[in-house]
PDB file of N, CA and C in Angstrom:
ATOM      1  N   MET A   1    -132.124  -0.667 -34.143  1.00  0.00           N
ATOM      2  CA  MET A   1    -131.045  -1.186 -33.627  1.00  0.00           C
ATOM      3  C   MET A   1    -131.079  -2.785 -32.622  1.00  0.00           C
ATOM      4  N   LYS A   2    -129.976  -3.051 -31.908  1.00  0.00           N
ATOM      5  CA  LYS A   2    -130.012  -4.415 -31.610  1.00  0.00           C
ATOM      6  C   LYS A   2    -130.117  -4.198 -30.679  1.00  0.00           C
ATOM      7  N   ASP A   3    -131.082  -5.598 -29.562  1.00  0.00           N
ATOM      8  CA  ASP A   3    -130.924  -5.502 -28.264  1.00  0.00           C
ATOM      9  C   ASP A   3    -129.558  -5.707 -27.700  1.00  0.00           C
ATOM     10  N   LEU A   4    -128.826  -4.574 -26.737  1.00  0.00           N
ATOM     11  CA  LEU A   4    -127.776  -4.582 -26.301  1.00  0.00           C
ATOM     12  C   LEU A   4    -127.319  -5.859 -25.505  1.00  0.00           C
ATOM     13  N   ARG A   5    -128.760  -6.255 -24.817  1.00  0.00           N
ATOM     14  CA  ARG A   5    -128.486  -7.788 -24.065  1.00  0.00           C
ATOM     15  C   ARG A   5    -128.186  -8.680 -24.883  1.00  0.00           C
ATOM     16  N   THR A   6    -128.644  -8.920 -26.657  1.00  0.00           N
ATOM     17  CA  THR A   6    -128.171 -10.032 -27.306  1.00  0.00           C
ATOM     18  C   THR A   6    -126.764  -9.941 -27.114  1.00  0.00           C
ATOM     19  N   GLU A   7    -126.696  -8.721 -27.826  1.00  0.00           N
ATOM     20  CA  GLU A   7    -125.504  -8.305 -28.100  1.00  0.00           C
ATOM     21  C   GLU A   7    -123.589  -8.624 -27.436  1.00  0.00           C
ATOM     22  N   LEU A   8    -124.367  -8.225 -26.071  1.00  0.00           N
ATOM     23  CA  LEU A   8    -123.463  -8.904 -25.441  1.00  0.00           C
ATOM     24  C   LEU A   8    -123.128 -10.299 -24.686  1.00  0.00           C
ATOM     25  N   ARG A   9    -124.963 -10.920 -24.994  1.00  0.00           N
ATOM     26  CA  ARG A   9    -124.896 -12.006 -24.693  1.00  0.00           C
ATOM     27  C   ARG A   9    -124.122 -13.146 -25.560  1.00  0.00           C
ATOM     28  N   LEU A  10    -123.833 -12.913 -27.386  1.00  0.00           N
ATOM     29  CA  LEU A  10    -123.319 -13.090 -28.110  1.00  0.00           C
ATOM     30  C   LEU A  10    -121.964 -12.966 -27.913  1.00  0.00           C
ATOM     31  N   MET A  11    -121.346 -11.452 -27.777  1.00  0.00           N
ATOM     32  CA  MET A  11    -119.382 -11.440 -27.343  1.00  0.00           C
ATOM     33  C   MET A  11    -118.919 -11.672 -26.170  1.00  0.00           C
ATOM     34  N   LYS A  12    -120.170 -12.255 -25.161  1.00  0.00           N
ATOM     35  CA  LYS A  12    -119.495 -13.580 -24.025  1.00  0.00           C
ATOM     36  C   LYS A  12    -119.348 -14.159 -24.520  1.00  0.00           C
ATOM     37  N   PHE A  13    -119.933 -15.129 -25.133  1.00  0.00           N
ATOM     38  CA  PHE A  13    -120.199 -16.619 -26.514  1.00  0.00           C
ATOM     39  C   PHE A  13    -118.982 -16.922 -26.831  1.00  0.00           C
ATOM     40  N   ASP A  14    -118.407 -15.795 -27.919  1.00  0.00           N
ATOM     41  CA  ASP A  14    -117.263 -15.319 -28.280  1.00  0.00           C
ATOM     42  C   ASP A  14    -116.336 -15.386 -28.101  1.00  0.00           C
ATOM     43  N   MET A  15    -116.090 -15.210 -27.090  1.00  0.00           N
ATOM     44  CA  MET A  15    -114.884 -15.034 -25.680  1.00  0.00           C
ATOM     45  C   MET A  15    -114.816 -15.791 -24.705  1.00  0.00           C
ATOM     46  N   GLU A  16    -115.713 -16.814 -24.966  1.00  0.00           N
ATOM     47  CA  GLU A  16    -115.865 -17.985 -23.975  1.00  0.00           C
ATOM     48  C   GLU A  16    -116.305 -17.905 -22.388  1.00  0.00           C
ATOM     49  N   MET A  17    -117.163 -16.921 -22.426  1.00  0.00           N
ATOM     50  CA  MET A  17    -117.115 -16.563 -21.112  1.00  0.00           C
ATOM     51  C   MET A  17    -118.818 -16.976 -20.408  1.00  0.00           C
ATOM     52  N   ILE A  18    -119.328 -17.568 -21.481  1.00  0.00           N
ATOM     53  CA  ILE A  18    -120.737 -18.297 -21.548  1.00  0.00           C
ATOM     54  C   ILE A  18    -120.349 -19.460 -22.169  1.00  0.00           C
ATOM     55  N   GLN A  19    -121.389 -20.620 -21.645  1.00  0.00           N
ATOM     56  CA  GLN A  19    -120.876 -21.951 -22.599  1.00  0.00           C
ATOM     57  C   GLN A  19    -123.093 -22.568 -23.202  1.00  0.00           C
ATOM     58  N   LYS A  20    -122.543 -22.530 -24.323  1.00  0.00           N
ATOM     59  CA  LYS A  20    -123.969 -23.073 -25.176  1.00  0.00           C
ATOM     60  C   LYS A  20    -123.752 -24.698 -24.285  1.00  0.00           C
ATOM     61  N   ILE A  21    -125.427 -24.514 -23.785  1.00  0.00           N
ATOM     62  CA  ILE A  21    -125.683 -26.079 -23.115  1.00  0.00           C
ATOM     63  C   ILE A  21    -126.902 -26.563 -23.796  1.00  0.00           C
ATOM     64  N   TYR A  22    -127.103 -27.884 -24.725  1.00  0.00           N
ATOM     65  CA  TYR A  22    -127.781 -28.603 -25.034  1.00  0.00           C
ATOM     66  C   TYR A  22    -128.684 -28.825 -24.478  1.00  0.00           C
ATOM     67  N   CYS A  23    -129.708 -29.048 -24.857  1.00  0.00           N
ATOM     68  CA  CYS A  23    -131.236 -29.554 -23.935  1.00  0.00           C
ATOM     69  C   CYS A  23    -131.034 -31.049 -23.896  1.00  0.00           C
ATOM     70  N   SER A  24    -131.756 -31.347 -22.564  1.00  0.00           N
ATOM     71  CA  SER A  24    -132.088 -32.920 -23.112  1.00  0.00           C
ATOM     72  C   SER A  24    -132.563 -33.272 -24.281  1.00  0.00           C
ATOM     73  N   LYS A  25    -133.170 -34.726 -23.932  1.00  0.00           N
ATOM     74  CA  LYS A  25    -133.950 -35.322 -25.658  1.00  0.00           C
ATOM     75  C   LYS A  25    -135.101 -35.059 -24.895  1.00  0.00           C
ATOM     76  N   GLU A  26    -135.867 -35.215 -23.957  1.00  0.00           N
ATOM     77  CA  GLU A  26    -137.636 -34.591 -23.556  1.00  0.00           C
ATOM     78  C   GLU A  26    -137.674 -32.897 -23.863  1.00  0.00           C
ATOM     79  N   GLU A  27    -136.714 -32.616 -23.595  1.00  0.00           N
ATOM     80  CA  GLU A  27    -136.976 -30.906 -23.696  1.00  0.00           C
ATOM     81  C   GLU A  27    -136.800 -30.760 -25.444  1.00  0.00           C
ATOM     82  N   GLN A  28    -135.281 -31.970 -25.979  1.00  0.00           N
ATOM     83  CA  GLN A  28    -136.243 -31.010 -27.183  1.00  0.00           C
ATOM     84  C   GLN A  28    -137.355 -31.605 -28.007  1.00  0.00           C
ATOM     85  N   LYS A  29    -137.942 -32.596 -27.346  1.00  0.00           N
ATOM     86  CA  LYS A  29    -138.785 -32.834 -27.883  1.00  0.00           C
ATOM     87  C   LYS A  29    -139.992 -32.251 -27.861  1.00  0.00           C
ATOM     88  N   GLU A  30    -140.211 -31.328 -26.604  1.00  0.00           N
ATOM     89  CA  GLU A  30    -141.015 -30.499 -26.143  1.00  0.00           C
ATOM     90  C   GLU A  30    -140.796 -29.552 -27.231  1.00  0.00           C
ATOM     91  N   PHE A  31    -139.928 -28.756 -27.263  1.00  0.00           N
ATOM     92  CA  PHE A  31    -139.537 -27.509 -27.540  1.00  0.00           C
ATOM     93  C   PHE A  31    -140.158 -27.785 -29.539  1.00  0.00           C
ATOM     94  N   LYS A  32    -139.643 -29.193 -29.931  1.00  0.00           N
ATOM     95  CA  LYS A  32    -140.275 -28.824 -31.454  1.00  0.00           C
ATOM     96  C   LYS A  32    -141.750 -28.775 -31.353  1.00  0.00           C
ATOM     97  N   THR A  33    -142.176 -29.565 -30.462  1.00  0.00           N
ATOM     98  CA  THR A  33    -143.938 -30.030 -30.547  1.00  0.00           C
ATOM     99  C   THR A  33    -144.147 -28.472 -30.249  1.00  0.00           C
ATOM    100  N   MET A  34    -143.511 -27.745 -29.698  1.00  0.00           N
ATOM    101  CA  MET A  34    -144.155 -26.089 -29.476  1.00  0.00           C
ATOM    102  C   MET A  34    -143.841 -25.266 -30.769  1.00  0.00           C
ATOM    103  N   GLN A  35    -142.684 -25.513 -31.313  1.00  0.00           N
ATOM    104  CA  GLN A  35    -142.375 -24.564 -32.583  1.00  0.00           C
ATOM    105  C   GLN A  35    -143.621 -25.474 -33.868  1.00  0.00           C
ATOM    106  N   LYS A  36    -143.938 -26.355 -33.612  1.00  0.00           N
ATOM    107  CA  LYS A  36    -144.642 -26.670 -34.597  1.00  0.00           C
ATOM    108  C   LYS A  36    -146.151 -26.563 -34.767  1.00  0.00           C
ATOM    109  N   ASN A  37    -146.522 -26.450 -33.017  1.00  0.00           N
ATOM    110  CA  ASN A  37    -148.004 -26.010 -32.712  1.00  0.00           C
ATOM    111  C   ASN A  37    -148.148 -24.434 -33.051  1.00  0.00           C
ATOM    112  N   LYS A  38    -146.328 -23.506 -33.460  1.00  0.00           N
ATOM    113  CA  LYS A  38    -146.483 -22.034 -33.718  1.00  0.00           C
ATOM    114  C   LYS A  38    -145.981 -21.829 -32.011  1.00  0.00           C
ATOM    115  N   GLN A  39    -145.910 -22.270 -31.623  1.00  0.00           N
ATOM    116  CA  GLN A  39    -145.935 -21.628 -29.542  1.00  0.00           C
ATOM    117  C   GLN A  39    -144.272 -20.867 -29.629  1.00  0.00           C
ATOM    118  N   PRO A  40    -144.587 -19.628 -28.569  1.00  0.00           N
ATOM    119  CA  PRO A  40    -143.137 -19.102 -28.160  1.00  0.00           C
ATOM    120  C   PRO A  40    -142.332 -20.206 -27.310  1.00  0.00           C
ATOM    121  N   LEU A  41    -141.501 -20.130 -27.846  1.00  0.00           N
ATOM    122  CA  LEU A  41    -140.116 -21.008 -26.776  1.00  0.00           C
ATOM    123  C   LEU A  41    -139.696 -19.563 -25.653  1.00  0.00           C
ATOM    124  N   PRO A  42    -139.594 -20.569 -24.369  1.00  0.00           N
ATOM    125  CA  PRO A  42    -139.065 -19.541 -23.323  1.00  0.00           C
ATOM    126  C   PRO A  42    -137.706 -18.813 -23.693  1.00  0.00           C
ATOM    127  N   ASN A  43    -137.518 -17.641 -23.105  1.00  0.00           N
ATOM    128  CA  ASN A  43    -136.896 -16.667 -23.361  1.00  0.00           C
ATOM    129  C   ASN A  43    -135.282 -17.367 -23.665  1.00  0.00           C
ATOM    130  N   ASP A  44    -135.103 -18.223 -22.415  1.00  0.00           N
ATOM    131  CA  ASP A  44    -133.204 -18.879 -22.430  1.00  0.00           C
ATOM    132  C   ASP A  44    -133.264 -19.971 -23.681  1.00  0.00           C
ATOM    133  N   VAL A  45    -134.514 -19.935 -24.384  1.00  0.00           N
ATOM    134  CA  VAL A  45    -133.913 -20.899 -25.138  1.00  0.00           C
ATOM    135  C   VAL A  45    -133.683 -20.804 -26.502  1.00  0.00           C
ATOM    136  N   LYS A  46    -132.386 -21.106 -27.692  1.00  0.00           N
ATOM    137  CA  LYS A  46    -132.412 -20.657 -28.954  1.00  0.00           C
ATOM    138  C   LYS A  46    -132.378 -21.924 -29.545  1.00  0.00           C
ATOM    139  N   ALA A  47    -132.367 -22.177 -30.801  1.00  0.00           N
ATOM    140  CA  ALA A  47    -132.197 -23.289 -31.782  1.00  0.00           C
ATOM    141  C   ALA A  47    -131.632 -22.860 -32.438  1.00  0.00           C
ATOM    142  N   ASP A  48    -130.600 -24.150 -32.959  1.00  0.00           N
ATOM    143  CA  ASP A  48    -129.218 -23.571 -34.510  1.00  0.00           C
ATOM    144  C   ASP A  48    -129.781 -25.665 -34.997  1.00  0.00           C
ATOM    145  N   ASP A  49    -128.651 -25.068 -35.976  1.00  0.00           N
ATOM    146  CA  ASP A  49    -128.890 -26.480 -36.881  1.00  0.00           C
ATOM    147  C   ASP A  49    -128.850 -28.127 -35.924  1.00  0.00           C
ATOM    148  N   SER A  50    -128.047 -28.083 -34.312  1.00  0.00           N
ATOM    149  CA  SER A  50    -128.077 -28.684 -34.009  1.00  0.00           C
ATOM    150  C   SER A  50    -128.870 -29.190 -33.091  1.00  0.00           C
ATOM    151  N   GLY A  51    -129.627 -28.195 -33.223  1.00  0.00           N
ATOM    152  CA  GLY A  51    -131.043 -28.537 -31.642  1.00  0.00           C
ATOM    153  C   GLY A  51    -131.530 -27.464 -31.036  1.00  0.00           C
ATOM    154  N   TYR A  52    -131.831 -27.773 -29.735  1.00  0.00           N
ATOM    155  CA  TYR A  52    -131.967 -26.649 -28.505  1.00  0.00           C
ATOM    156  C   TYR A  52    -130.878 -26.394 -27.555  1.00  0.00           C
ATOM    157  N   PHE A  53    -131.109 -24.591 -27.269  1.00  0.00           N
ATOM    158  CA  PHE A  53    -130.002 -24.706 -26.186  1.00  0.00           C
ATOM    159  C   PHE A  53    -130.046 -23.554 -25.604  1.00  0.00           C
ATOM    160  N   ARG A  54    -129.244 -23.588 -24.515  1.00  0.00           N
ATOM    161  CA  ARG A  54    -129.516 -22.253 -23.759  1.00  0.00           C
ATOM    162  C   ARG A  54    -128.103 -22.274 -23.338  1.00  0.00           C
ATOM    163  N   PHE A  55    -127.735 -20.591 -23.195  1.00  0.00           N
ATOM    164  CA  PHE A  55    -126.622 -19.720 -22.876  1.00  0.00           C
ATOM    165  C   PHE A  55    -126.645 -19.858 -21.435  1.00  0.00           C
ATOM    166  N   VAL A  56    -125.648 -20.545 -20.515  1.00  0.00           N
ATOM    167  CA  VAL A  56    -125.528 -20.585 -19.213  1.00  0.00           C
ATOM    168  C   VAL A  56    -124.237 -20.338 -18.887  1.00  0.00           C
ATOM    169  N   ASP A  57    -124.263 -18.622 -17.335  1.00  0.00           N
ATOM    170  CA  ASP A  57    -123.101 -18.113 -17.499  1.00  0.00           C
ATOM    171  C   ASP A  57    -122.093 -19.046 -16.407  1.00  0.00           C
ATOM    172  N   THR A  58    -121.063 -18.675 -17.148  1.00  0.00           N
ATOM    173  CA  THR A  58    -119.943 -19.013 -16.291  1.00  0.00           C
ATOM    174  C   THR A  58    -119.774 -18.834 -14.385  1.00  0.00           C
ATOM    175  N   ALA A  59    -119.248 -19.137 -13.228  1.00  0.00           N
ATOM    176  CA  ALA A  59    -119.777 -18.976 -12.537  1.00  0.00           C
ATOM    177  C   ALA A  59    -118.432 -18.315 -11.496  1.00  0.00           C
ATOM    178  N   LEU A  60    -117.550 -17.438 -12.838  1.00  0.00           N
ATOM    179  CA  LEU A  60    -117.029 -16.995 -12.069  1.00  0.00           C
ATOM    180  C   LEU A  60    -117.128 -15.071 -11.515  1.00  0.00           C
ATOM    181  N   THR A  61    -116.174 -15.008 -10.690  1.00  0.00           N
ATOM    182  CA  THR A  61    -116.247 -13.989  -9.763  1.00  0.00           C
ATOM    183  C   THR A  61    -115.284 -13.323 -10.960  1.00  0.00           C
ATOM    184  N   GLN A  62    -115.752 -11.412 -10.197  1.00  0.00           N
ATOM    185  CA  GLN A  62    -115.024 -10.469 -11.335  1.00  0.00           C
ATOM    186  C   GLN A  62    -113.757 -10.634 -11.034  1.00  0.00           C
ATOM    187  N   GLU A  63    -113.010 -10.976 -10.192  1.00  0.00           N
ATOM    188  CA  GLU A  63    -111.434 -11.417 -10.057  1.00  0.00           C
ATOM    189  C   GLU A  63    -111.194 -11.677 -10.688  1.00  0.00           C
ATOM    190  N   GLU A  64    -112.150 -13.066 -10.563  1.00  0.00           N
ATOM    191  CA  GLU A  64    -111.377 -14.538 -11.828  1.00  0.00           C
ATOM    192  C   GLU A  64    -111.442 -13.783 -13.214  1.00  0.00           C
ATOM    193  N   LEU A  65    -112.552 -13.138 -13.711  1.00  0.00           N
ATOM    194  CA  LEU A  65    -112.808 -12.747 -14.913  1.00  0.00           C
ATOM    195  C   LEU A  65    -111.517 -11.890 -15.660  1.00  0.00           C
ATOM    196  N   SER A  66    -110.688 -10.960 -14.182  1.00  0.00           N
ATOM    197  CA  SER A  66    -110.300  -9.694 -14.879  1.00  0.00           C
ATOM    198  C   SER A  66    -109.090 -11.108 -15.102  1.00  0.00           C
ATOM    199  N   GLN A  67    -108.631 -11.666 -13.892  1.00  0.00           N
ATOM    200  CA  GLN A  67    -107.638 -12.744 -14.595  1.00  0.00           C
ATOM    201  C   GLN A  67    -107.553 -13.174 -15.531  1.00  0.00           C
ATOM    202  N   LEU A  68    -108.401 -14.095 -16.292  1.00  0.00           N
ATOM    203  CA  LEU A  68    -108.653 -14.631 -17.365  1.00  0.00           C
ATOM    204  C   LEU A  68    -108.235 -13.672 -18.207  1.00  0.00           C
ATOM    205  N   TYR A  69    -108.858 -12.113 -17.954  1.00  0.00           N
ATOM    206  CA  TYR A  69    -108.516 -11.332 -19.526  1.00  0.00           C
ATOM    207  C   TYR A  69    -106.738 -11.291 -19.355  1.00  0.00           C
ATOM    208  N   VAL A  70    -106.383 -11.157 -18.409  1.00  0.00           N
ATOM    209  CA  VAL A  70    -104.850 -10.455 -18.234  1.00  0.00           C
ATOM    210  C   VAL A  70    -104.319 -11.850 -19.238  1.00  0.00           C
ATOM    211  N   TYR A  71    -104.236 -13.253 -18.574  1.00  0.00           N
ATOM    212  CA  TYR A  71    -104.034 -14.315 -19.082  1.00  0.00           C
ATOM    213  C   TYR A  71    -103.993 -14.206 -20.257  1.00  0.00           C
ATOM    214  N   ARG A  72    -105.151 -14.243 -21.016  1.00  0.00           N
ATOM    215  CA  ARG A  72    -105.418 -14.561 -22.576  1.00  0.00           C
ATOM    216  C   ARG A  72    -104.520 -13.357 -23.227  1.00  0.00           C
ATOM    217  N   GLN A  73    -104.702 -12.053 -22.549  1.00  0.00           N
ATOM    218  CA  GLN A  73    -103.756 -11.152 -23.335  1.00  0.00           C
ATOM    219  C   GLN A  73    -102.599 -11.401 -23.291  1.00  0.00           C
ATOM    220  N   LEU A  74    -101.910 -11.621 -22.276  1.00  0.00           N
ATOM    221  CA  LEU A  74    -100.761 -12.719 -22.398  1.00  0.00           C
ATOM    222  C   LEU A  74    -100.465 -13.302 -23.129  1.00  0.00           C
ATOM    223  N   SER A  75    -101.171 -14.519 -23.478  1.00  0.00           N
ATOM    224  CA  SER A  75    -100.823 -15.709 -24.323  1.00  0.00           C
ATOM    225  C   SER A  75    -100.714 -15.112 -26.016  1.00  0.00           C
ATOM    226  N   TYR A  76    -101.299 -13.854 -25.774  1.00  0.00           N
ATOM    227  CA  TYR A  76    -101.679 -13.717 -27.579  1.00  0.00           C
ATOM    228  C   TYR A  76    -100.315 -12.581 -27.639  1.00  0.00           C
ATOM    229  N   LEU A  77     -99.829 -12.390 -26.577  1.00  0.00           N
ATOM    230  CA  LEU A  77     -98.754 -11.333 -26.530  1.00  0.00           C
ATOM    231  C   LEU A  77     -98.027 -12.084 -26.911  1.00  0.00           C
ATOM    232  N   LYS A  78     -97.462 -13.795 -26.221  1.00  0.00           N
ATOM    233  CA  LYS A  78     -96.798 -14.664 -26.658  1.00  0.00           C
ATOM    234  C   LYS A  78     -96.543 -15.022 -28.507  1.00  0.00           C
ATOM    235  N   SER A  79     -97.819 -15.344 -28.785  1.00  0.00           N
ATOM    236  CA  SER A  79     -98.182 -15.651 -29.892  1.00  0.00           C
ATOM    237  C   SER A  79     -97.476 -14.418 -31.096  1.00  0.00           C
ATOM    238  N   ILE A  80     -97.928 -13.384 -30.951  1.00  0.00           N
ATOM    239  CA  ILE A  80     -97.133 -12.262 -31.624  1.00  0.00           C
ATOM    240  C   ILE A  80     -95.891 -12.137 -31.428  1.00  0.00           C
ATOM    241  N   ARG A  81     -94.960 -12.227 -30.194  1.00  0.00           N
ATOM    242  CA  ARG A  81     -93.412 -12.258 -30.086  1.00  0.00           C
ATOM    243  C   ARG A  81     -93.220 -13.747 -31.204  1.00  0.00           C
ATOM    244  N   ASN A  82     -93.858 -14.904 -30.429  1.00  0.00           N
ATOM    245  CA  ASN A  82     -93.389 -15.623 -31.760  1.00  0.00           C
ATOM    246  C   ASN A  82     -93.384 -15.241 -33.219  1.00  0.00           C
ATOM    247  N   SER A  83     -94.570 -14.795 -34.033  1.00  0.00           N
ATOM    248  CA  SER A  83     -94.668 -14.361 -34.924  1.00  0.00           C
ATOM    249  C   SER A  83     -93.419 -13.688 -35.138  1.00  0.00           C
ATOM    250  N   MET A  84     -93.129 -12.966 -34.191  1.00  0.00           N
ATOM    251  CA  MET A  84     -92.256 -11.907 -34.639  1.00  0.00           C
ATOM    252  C   MET A  84     -90.557 -11.698 -34.834  1.00  0.00           C
ATOM    253  N   TYR A  85     -90.701 -12.717 -34.408  1.00  0.00           N
ATOM    254  CA  TYR A  85     -88.918 -14.099 -33.916  1.00  0.00           C
ATOM    255  C   TYR A  85     -89.077 -14.422 -35.505  1.00  0.00           C
ATOM    256  N   PHE A  86     -90.530 -15.198 -36.046  1.00  0.00           N
ATOM    257  CA  PHE A  86     -90.207 -16.187 -37.096  1.00  0.00           C
ATOM    258  C   PHE A  86     -89.836 -15.059 -38.041  1.00  0.00           C
ATOM    259  N   PHE A  87     -90.595 -14.056 -38.237  1.00  0.00           N
ATOM    260  CA  PHE A  87     -90.689 -12.825 -39.780  1.00  0.00           C
ATOM    261  C   PHE A  87     -88.992 -12.718 -39.371  1.00  0.00           C
ATOM    262  N   VAL A  88     -88.518 -11.703 -38.541  1.00  0.00           N
ATOM    263  CA  VAL A  88     -87.065 -11.531 -38.040  1.00  0.00           C
ATOM    264  C   VAL A  88     -86.541 -12.427 -38.832  1.00  0.00           C
ATOM    265  N   THR A  89     -86.131 -13.974 -38.755  1.00  0.00           N
ATOM    266  CA  THR A  89     -85.654 -14.865 -38.316  1.00  0.00           C
ATOM    267  C   THR A  89     -85.759 -15.390 -40.319  1.00  0.00           C
ATOM    268  N   LEU A  90     -86.504 -14.727 -41.021  1.00  0.00           N
ATOM    269  CA  LEU A  90     -86.917 -14.850 -42.172  1.00  0.00           C
ATOM    270  C   LEU A  90     -86.271 -14.248 -43.231  1.00  0.00           C
ATOM    271  N   THR A  91     -86.729 -13.145 -42.450  1.00  0.00           N
ATOM    272  CA  THR A  91     -85.791 -11.874 -43.617  1.00  0.00           C
ATOM    273  C   THR A  91     -84.537 -11.661 -43.240  1.00  0.00           C
ATOM    274  N   ILE A  92     -83.386 -12.292 -42.133  1.00  0.00           N
ATOM    275  CA  ILE A  92     -82.127 -12.172 -42.102  1.00  0.00           C
ATOM    276  C   ILE A  92     -81.920 -13.263 -43.103  1.00  0.00           C
ATOM    277  N   ILE A  93     -82.315 -14.324 -43.112  1.00  0.00           N
ATOM    278  CA  ILE A  93     -82.279 -15.453 -43.478  1.00  0.00           C
ATOM    279  C   ILE A  93     -82.020 -14.708 -44.973  1.00  0.00           C
ATOM    280  N   SER A  94     -83.215 -14.322 -45.830  1.00  0.00           N
ATOM    281  CA  SER A  94     -83.449 -13.714 -47.268  1.00  0.00           C
ATOM    282  C   SER A  94     -82.334 -12.930 -47.642  1.00  0.00           C
ATOM    283  N   LEU A  95     -81.801 -12.222 -46.418  1.00  0.00           N
ATOM    284  CA  LEU A  95     -80.763 -10.821 -46.595  1.00  0.00           C
ATOM    285  C   LEU A  95     -79.677 -11.359 -47.316  1.00  0.00           C
ATOM    286  N   ILE A  96     -79.290 -12.795 -46.149  1.00  0.00           N
ATOM    287  CA  ILE A  96     -78.163 -13.316 -46.178  1.00  0.00           C
ATOM    288  C   ILE A  96     -78.172 -14.051 -47.350  1.00  0.00           C
ATOM    289  N   VAL A  97     -78.957 -14.655 -48.349  1.00  0.00           N
ATOM    290  CA  VAL A  97     -79.409 -15.510 -49.468  1.00  0.00           C
ATOM    291  C   VAL A  97     -79.047 -14.407 -50.817  1.00  0.00           C
ATOM    292  N   LEU A  98     -79.491 -13.506 -50.101  1.00  0.00           N
ATOM    293  CA  LEU A  98     -79.272 -12.375 -51.207  1.00  0.00           C
ATOM    294  C   LEU A  98     -78.203 -11.939 -50.854  1.00  0.00           C
ATOM    295  N   LEU A  99     -77.240 -11.224 -49.895  1.00  0.00           N
ATOM    296  CA  LEU A  99     -75.584 -10.863 -49.771  1.00  0.00           C
ATOM    297  C   LEU A  99     -74.985 -12.157 -51.008  1.00  0.00           C
ATOM    298  N   VAL A 100     -75.319 -13.565 -50.579  1.00  0.00           N
ATOM    299  CA  VAL A 100     -73.994 -14.414 -50.793  1.00  0.00           C
ATOM    300  C   VAL A 100     -74.357 -14.819 -52.746  1.00  0.00           C
ATOM    301  N   LEU A 101     -75.246 -14.442 -53.064  1.00  0.00           N
ATOM    302  CA  LEU A 101     -76.150 -14.420 -54.728  1.00  0.00           C
ATOM    303  C   LEU A 101     -75.463 -13.241 -54.914  1.00  0.00           C
ATOM    304  N   GLY A 102     -75.314 -12.360 -54.660  1.00  0.00           N
ATOM    305  CA  GLY A 102     -75.177 -10.767 -55.369  1.00  0.00           C
ATOM    306  C   GLY A 102     -73.955 -10.814 -55.502  1.00  0.00           C
ATOM    307  N   VAL A 103     -72.938 -11.502 -54.289  1.00  0.00           N
ATOM    308  CA  VAL A 103     -71.595 -11.345 -54.813  1.00  0.00           C
ATOM    309  C   VAL A 103     -70.539 -11.916 -55.757  1.00  0.00           C
ATOM    310  N   ARG A 104     -71.313 -13.150 -55.972  1.00  0.00           N
ATOM    311  CA  ARG A 104     -70.919 -13.729 -57.090  1.00  0.00           C
ATOM    312  C   ARG A 104     -70.872 -12.903 -58.444  1.00  0.00           C
TER     313      ARG A 104
END
């Protein structure tokens, strides 16, 4: 079973609730030497192809997070609405063309 905290952190990162902050050049060098010496990295430090980084929580209150979720939902609903307009318009145009070509 996955560690639930890790899964929660990854979900927050995917939803842009936390940020990935890369370490300074001095820290990068320090962590590289630690890895070469097979010493464990600190718990809050992770590595990827670009280097070492930390996850940093945003300093948003619960109310601000709730507002952010609502505004994101509204934004997604607007995108869905616009897609529906496009497909309905495309369907109407295709029906009109079908009727015009079918009448001849």
